Amino acid sequence: MKAKLPDKQYFRIGEVARLTALKASVLRFWETEFKELKPPKSRTGQRLYSKQDIELLLEIKRLLYAEKLTIEGARKRLKTSERSHKASPKASNETSDLLGLVKEVRQELEAIRRML
């Protein structure tokens, strides 16, 4: 889920609360519930959310509010989507390897057919 975010590297919790239409207390609670959400803190102790953090928050909000999942269900869904993103490059490489193998076998079979 892509959001229209200002061109900044980091956002404070108040800004994130406004951008996501969530209360700051909800953001702090979700930090305890979702290990993927760990914004660093500044020297003054302010949470500094990146654009990736905000996109993750919007995805969590969608899962909890729109799809009506529990926190545990949202955690599981995030894990499976994370795994599928990690597995997709490997799967595409395996697919291209298999296609190459099939083409090679086909060429050999056609060569054998011509011999007969």
N, C-alpha and C. Protein backbone atom coordinates (compact mmCIF):
# COMPACT_ATOMS: atom_id res chain seq x y z
N MET A 1 0.85 -1.16 0.00
CA MET A 1 0.00 0.00 0.00
C MET A 1 0.90 1.23 0.00
N LYS A 2 0.86 2.01 -1.04
CA LYS A 2 1.70 3.20 -1.16
C LYS A 2 0.88 4.42 -0.74
N ALA A 3 1.48 5.22 0.10
CA ALA A 3 0.83 6.43 0.56
C ALA A 3 1.57 7.63 0.00
N LYS A 4 0.88 8.73 -0.14
CA LYS A 4 1.49 9.97 -0.60
C LYS A 4 2.13 10.63 0.62
N LEU A 5 3.45 10.48 0.73
CA LEU A 5 4.17 10.99 1.89
C LEU A 5 5.04 12.17 1.51
N PRO A 6 5.21 13.12 2.43
CA PRO A 6 6.13 14.24 2.16
C PRO A 6 7.54 13.73 1.91
N ASP A 7 8.31 14.53 1.22
CA ASP A 7 9.67 14.13 0.86
C ASP A 7 10.62 14.40 2.03
N LYS A 8 10.55 13.48 3.02
CA LYS A 8 11.41 13.55 4.20
C LYS A 8 11.95 12.16 4.46
N GLN A 9 13.07 12.07 5.14
CA GLN A 9 13.63 10.77 5.45
C GLN A 9 12.98 10.18 6.69
N TYR A 10 12.77 11.00 7.71
CA TYR A 10 12.19 10.53 8.97
C TYR A 10 11.02 11.40 9.40
N PHE A 11 10.09 10.77 10.13
CA PHE A 11 8.90 11.46 10.61
C PHE A 11 8.77 11.20 12.11
N ARG A 12 8.34 12.20 12.86
CA ARG A 12 8.11 12.03 14.29
C ARG A 12 6.73 11.40 14.50
N ILE A 13 6.48 10.92 15.70
CA ILE A 13 5.27 10.15 15.98
C ILE A 13 3.99 10.98 15.74
N GLY A 14 4.04 12.27 16.05
CA GLY A 14 2.87 13.12 15.81
C GLY A 14 2.53 13.23 14.33
N GLU A 15 3.58 13.37 13.51
CA GLU A 15 3.37 13.45 12.06
C GLU A 15 2.82 12.13 11.52
N VAL A 16 3.36 11.03 12.03
CA VAL A 16 2.91 9.71 11.58
C VAL A 16 1.45 9.50 12.00
N ALA A 17 1.11 9.95 13.20
CA ALA A 17 -0.27 9.82 13.67
C ALA A 17 -1.22 10.56 12.74
N ARG A 18 -0.83 11.76 12.31
CA ARG A 18 -1.68 12.51 11.38
C ARG A 18 -1.75 11.83 10.01
N LEU A 19 -0.60 11.36 9.51
CA LEU A 19 -0.56 10.74 8.18
C LEU A 19 -1.37 9.44 8.12
N THR A 20 -1.36 8.68 9.21
CA THR A 20 -2.03 7.37 9.22
C THR A 20 -3.42 7.42 9.84
N ALA A 21 -3.80 8.57 10.40
CA ALA A 21 -5.09 8.73 11.10
C ALA A 21 -5.20 7.75 12.26
N LEU A 22 -4.11 7.58 12.98
CA LEU A 22 -4.07 6.73 14.17
C LEU A 22 -3.58 7.56 15.34
N LYS A 23 -3.96 7.16 16.54
CA LYS A 23 -3.47 7.85 17.73
C LYS A 23 -2.04 7.41 18.02
N ALA A 24 -1.28 8.30 18.65
CA ALA A 24 0.11 7.99 18.99
C ALA A 24 0.18 6.79 19.93
N SER A 25 -0.80 6.65 20.81
CA SER A 25 -0.80 5.51 21.72
C SER A 25 -0.97 4.19 20.97
N VAL A 26 -1.74 4.20 19.89
CA VAL A 26 -1.91 3.00 19.06
C VAL A 26 -0.59 2.66 18.38
N LEU A 27 0.11 3.67 17.89
CA LEU A 27 1.41 3.44 17.25
C LEU A 27 2.40 2.82 18.23
N ARG A 28 2.44 3.36 19.46
CA ARG A 28 3.35 2.81 20.46
C ARG A 28 2.96 1.39 20.83
N PHE A 29 1.67 1.11 20.92
CA PHE A 29 1.22 -0.25 21.24
C PHE A 29 1.61 -1.21 20.13
N TRP A 30 1.41 -0.82 18.88
CA TRP A 30 1.75 -1.70 17.76
C TRP A 30 3.24 -1.99 17.72
N GLU A 31 4.07 -1.05 18.18
CA GLU A 31 5.51 -1.32 18.24
C GLU A 31 5.80 -2.51 19.15
N THR A 32 5.01 -2.67 20.20
CA THR A 32 5.21 -3.80 21.12
C THR A 32 4.67 -5.10 20.55
N GLU A 33 3.70 -5.01 19.66
CA GLU A 33 3.04 -6.20 19.13
C GLU A 33 3.65 -6.73 17.83
N PHE A 34 4.25 -5.85 17.05
CA PHE A 34 4.79 -6.24 15.75
C PHE A 34 6.30 -6.01 15.76
N LYS A 35 7.07 -7.10 15.76
CA LYS A 35 8.53 -6.97 15.86
C LYS A 35 9.14 -6.29 14.63
N GLU A 36 8.43 -6.30 13.50
CA GLU A 36 8.94 -5.67 12.28
C GLU A 36 8.99 -4.15 12.42
N LEU A 37 8.21 -3.63 13.37
CA LEU A 37 8.07 -2.19 13.55
C LEU A 37 8.96 -1.73 14.70
N LYS A 38 10.14 -1.28 14.39
CA LYS A 38 11.10 -0.82 15.39
C LYS A 38 11.74 0.50 14.94
N PRO A 39 11.02 1.61 15.07
CA PRO A 39 11.64 2.88 14.67
C PRO A 39 12.75 3.27 15.64
N PRO A 40 13.86 3.76 15.12
CA PRO A 40 14.93 4.20 16.02
C PRO A 40 14.50 5.47 16.76
N LYS A 41 15.20 5.77 17.81
CA LYS A 41 14.90 6.98 18.57
C LYS A 41 16.04 7.98 18.40
N SER A 42 15.68 9.24 18.43
CA SER A 42 16.69 10.30 18.34
C SER A 42 17.40 10.45 19.68
N ARG A 43 18.36 11.34 19.73
CA ARG A 43 19.08 11.58 20.99
C ARG A 43 18.14 12.09 22.08
N THR A 44 17.06 12.74 21.66
CA THR A 44 16.10 13.27 22.63
C THR A 44 15.00 12.26 22.97
N GLY A 45 15.06 11.07 22.38
CA GLY A 45 14.08 10.03 22.69
C GLY A 45 12.86 10.01 21.78
N GLN A 46 12.84 10.88 20.77
CA GLN A 46 11.72 10.90 19.82
C GLN A 46 11.82 9.71 18.87
N ARG A 47 10.72 9.06 18.61
CA ARG A 47 10.69 7.98 17.63
C ARG A 47 10.81 8.60 16.24
N LEU A 48 11.64 7.98 15.40
CA LEU A 48 11.83 8.47 14.04
C LEU A 48 11.39 7.38 13.06
N TYR A 49 10.24 7.57 12.46
CA TYR A 49 9.68 6.59 11.54
C TYR A 49 10.15 6.87 10.12
N SER A 50 10.56 5.83 9.42
CA SER A 50 10.94 5.97 8.01
C SER A 50 9.69 5.78 7.15
N LYS A 51 9.84 6.01 5.86
CA LYS A 51 8.71 5.79 4.94
C LYS A 51 8.30 4.31 4.94
N GLN A 52 9.28 3.41 5.04
CA GLN A 52 8.97 1.98 5.11
C GLN A 52 8.16 1.66 6.35
N ASP A 53 8.50 2.29 7.48
CA ASP A 53 7.74 2.08 8.71
C ASP A 53 6.29 2.54 8.53
N ILE A 54 6.12 3.67 7.87
CA ILE A 54 4.76 4.20 7.67
C ILE A 54 3.97 3.28 6.75
N GLU A 55 4.61 2.77 5.69
CA GLU A 55 3.91 1.84 4.81
C GLU A 55 3.53 0.57 5.56
N LEU A 56 4.40 0.10 6.45
CA LEU A 56 4.08 -1.06 7.27
C LEU A 56 2.91 -0.76 8.20
N LEU A 57 2.91 0.43 8.80
CA LEU A 57 1.80 0.82 9.66
C LEU A 57 0.48 0.84 8.89
N LEU A 58 0.51 1.37 7.68
CA LEU A 58 -0.71 1.41 6.87
C LEU A 58 -1.18 0.01 6.51
N GLU A 59 -0.24 -0.91 6.26
CA GLU A 59 -0.61 -2.30 5.97
C GLU A 59 -1.21 -2.95 7.21
N ILE A 60 -0.61 -2.72 8.38
CA ILE A 60 -1.15 -3.27 9.63
C ILE A 60 -2.55 -2.71 9.87
N LYS A 61 -2.72 -1.41 9.64
CA LYS A 61 -4.03 -0.78 9.83
C LYS A 61 -5.07 -1.41 8.90
N ARG A 62 -4.68 -1.67 7.66
CA ARG A 62 -5.60 -2.30 6.71
C ARG A 62 -5.99 -3.70 7.18
N LEU A 63 -4.99 -4.46 7.62
CA LEU A 63 -5.27 -5.82 8.08
C LEU A 63 -6.19 -5.83 9.30
N LEU A 64 -5.94 -4.93 10.23
CA LEU A 64 -6.73 -4.93 11.46
C LEU A 64 -8.10 -4.29 11.28
N TYR A 65 -8.17 -3.18 10.57
CA TYR A 65 -9.43 -2.45 10.49
C TYR A 65 -10.29 -2.85 9.29
N ALA A 66 -9.69 -3.01 8.12
CA ALA A 66 -10.48 -3.33 6.92
C ALA A 66 -10.77 -4.83 6.83
N GLU A 67 -9.74 -5.64 7.05
CA GLU A 67 -9.93 -7.09 6.95
C GLU A 67 -10.39 -7.71 8.26
N LYS A 68 -10.43 -6.91 9.31
CA LYS A 68 -10.92 -7.34 10.63
C LYS A 68 -10.15 -8.53 11.20
N LEU A 69 -8.83 -8.57 10.96
CA LEU A 69 -8.01 -9.63 11.52
C LEU A 69 -7.65 -9.28 12.96
N THR A 70 -7.34 -10.30 13.75
CA THR A 70 -6.80 -10.08 15.08
C THR A 70 -5.34 -9.68 14.94
N ILE A 71 -4.73 -9.26 16.04
CA ILE A 71 -3.31 -8.90 15.99
C ILE A 71 -2.50 -10.13 15.60
N GLU A 72 -2.84 -11.28 16.16
CA GLU A 72 -2.13 -12.51 15.82
C GLU A 72 -2.31 -12.85 14.34
N GLY A 73 -3.51 -12.68 13.82
CA GLY A 73 -3.77 -12.93 12.40
C GLY A 73 -2.99 -11.98 11.51
N ALA A 74 -2.90 -10.72 11.92
CA ALA A 74 -2.13 -9.74 11.14
C ALA A 74 -0.65 -10.09 11.16
N ARG A 75 -0.15 -10.55 12.32
CA ARG A 75 1.26 -10.97 12.40
C ARG A 75 1.54 -12.10 11.42
N LYS A 76 0.65 -13.09 11.41
CA LYS A 76 0.84 -14.24 10.51
C LYS A 76 0.79 -13.80 9.05
N ARG A 77 -0.14 -12.92 8.72
CA ARG A 77 -0.27 -12.46 7.34
C ARG A 77 0.97 -11.70 6.92
N LEU A 78 1.51 -10.88 7.81
CA LEU A 78 2.74 -10.14 7.49
C LEU A 78 3.91 -11.09 7.29
N LYS A 79 3.99 -12.14 8.11
CA LYS A 79 5.07 -13.12 7.95
C LYS A 79 4.97 -13.82 6.61
N THR A 80 3.76 -14.25 6.22
CA THR A 80 3.62 -14.97 4.96
C THR A 80 3.89 -14.05 3.77
N SER A 81 3.48 -12.80 3.86
CA SER A 81 3.77 -11.88 2.74
C SER A 81 5.25 -11.57 2.68
N GLU A 82 5.91 -11.52 3.84
CA GLU A 82 7.37 -11.30 3.88
C GLU A 82 8.10 -12.48 3.25
N ARG A 83 7.64 -13.69 3.57
CA ARG A 83 8.26 -14.89 2.99
C ARG A 83 8.07 -14.94 1.49
N SER A 84 6.88 -14.58 1.02
CA SER A 84 6.64 -14.64 -0.42
C SER A 84 7.49 -13.62 -1.15
N HIS A 85 7.74 -12.46 -0.53
CA HIS A 85 8.61 -11.46 -1.17
C HIS A 85 10.05 -11.96 -1.22
N LYS A 86 10.48 -12.65 -0.17
CA LYS A 86 11.84 -13.18 -0.16
C LYS A 86 11.98 -14.35 -1.11
N ALA A 87 10.94 -15.15 -1.27
CA ALA A 87 11.02 -16.35 -2.10
C ALA A 87 10.86 -16.05 -3.58
N SER A 88 10.24 -14.95 -3.93
CA SER A 88 9.95 -14.69 -5.33
C SER A 88 11.19 -14.60 -6.23
N PRO A 89 12.28 -13.94 -5.85
CA PRO A 89 13.45 -13.94 -6.75
C PRO A 89 14.01 -15.34 -6.95
N LYS A 90 14.05 -16.13 -5.91
CA LYS A 90 14.54 -17.49 -6.02
C LYS A 90 13.63 -18.31 -6.93
N ALA A 91 12.32 -18.13 -6.77
CA ALA A 91 11.36 -18.87 -7.58
C ALA A 91 11.50 -18.50 -9.05
N SER A 92 11.73 -17.22 -9.35
CA SER A 92 11.87 -16.82 -10.75
C SER A 92 13.15 -17.41 -11.34
N ASN A 93 14.22 -17.50 -10.56
CA ASN A 93 15.45 -18.12 -11.04
C ASN A 93 15.24 -19.60 -11.31
N GLU A 94 14.53 -20.27 -10.41
CA GLU A 94 14.25 -21.69 -10.61
C GLU A 94 13.38 -21.90 -11.84
N THR A 95 12.43 -21.02 -12.04
CA THR A 95 11.55 -21.12 -13.21
C THR A 95 12.34 -20.97 -14.49
N SER A 96 13.23 -19.98 -14.54
CA SER A 96 14.03 -19.79 -15.76
C SER A 96 14.96 -20.97 -15.98
N ASP A 97 15.50 -21.55 -14.90
CA ASP A 97 16.35 -22.75 -15.03
C ASP A 97 15.56 -23.91 -15.60
N LEU A 98 14.34 -24.09 -15.11
CA LEU A 98 13.50 -25.18 -15.60
C LEU A 98 13.11 -24.97 -17.05
N LEU A 99 12.81 -23.74 -17.43
CA LEU A 99 12.47 -23.46 -18.83
C LEU A 99 13.65 -23.76 -19.75
N GLY A 100 14.84 -23.40 -19.31
CA GLY A 100 16.04 -23.71 -20.10
C GLY A 100 16.23 -25.20 -20.25
N LEU A 101 16.00 -25.95 -19.19
CA LEU A 101 16.13 -27.41 -19.23
C LEU A 101 15.10 -28.02 -20.18
N VAL A 102 13.87 -27.53 -20.12
CA VAL A 102 12.82 -28.04 -21.01
C VAL A 102 13.18 -27.77 -22.46
N LYS A 103 13.68 -26.59 -22.77
CA LYS A 103 14.08 -26.27 -24.14
C LYS A 103 15.20 -27.20 -24.62
N GLU A 104 16.14 -27.44 -23.75
CA GLU A 104 17.27 -28.31 -24.09
C GLU A 104 16.80 -29.73 -24.38
N VAL A 105 15.92 -30.25 -23.54
CA VAL A 105 15.39 -31.61 -23.73
C VAL A 105 14.60 -31.67 -25.04
N ARG A 106 13.83 -30.62 -25.30
CA ARG A 106 13.03 -30.60 -26.53
C ARG A 106 13.93 -30.63 -27.76
N GLN A 107 15.02 -29.85 -27.75
CA GLN A 107 15.93 -29.83 -28.88
C GLN A 107 16.57 -31.21 -29.09
N GLU A 108 16.93 -31.87 -27.99
CA GLU A 108 17.53 -33.21 -28.10
C GLU A 108 16.52 -34.21 -28.66
N LEU A 109 15.28 -34.11 -28.22
CA LEU A 109 14.25 -35.02 -28.74
C LEU A 109 14.00 -34.78 -30.23
N GLU A 110 14.00 -33.52 -30.64
CA GLU A 110 13.82 -33.22 -32.06
C GLU A 110 15.00 -33.77 -32.88
N ALA A 111 16.22 -33.68 -32.35
CA ALA A 111 17.39 -34.22 -33.02
C ALA A 111 17.26 -35.74 -33.17
N ILE A 112 16.82 -36.41 -32.11
CA ILE A 112 16.63 -37.87 -32.18
C ILE A 112 15.55 -38.21 -33.19
N ARG A 113 14.48 -37.43 -33.23
CA ARG A 113 13.38 -37.68 -34.18
C ARG A 113 13.87 -37.56 -35.62
N ARG A 114 14.74 -36.58 -35.89
CA ARG A 114 15.27 -36.41 -37.24
C ARG A 114 16.15 -37.60 -37.65
N MET A 115 16.84 -38.17 -36.68
CA MET A 115 17.68 -39.34 -36.99
C MET A 115 16.84 -40.54 -37.42
N LEU A 116 15.64 -40.64 -36.90
CA LEU A 116 14.79 -41.80 -37.22
C LEU A 116 14.15 -41.60 -38.53
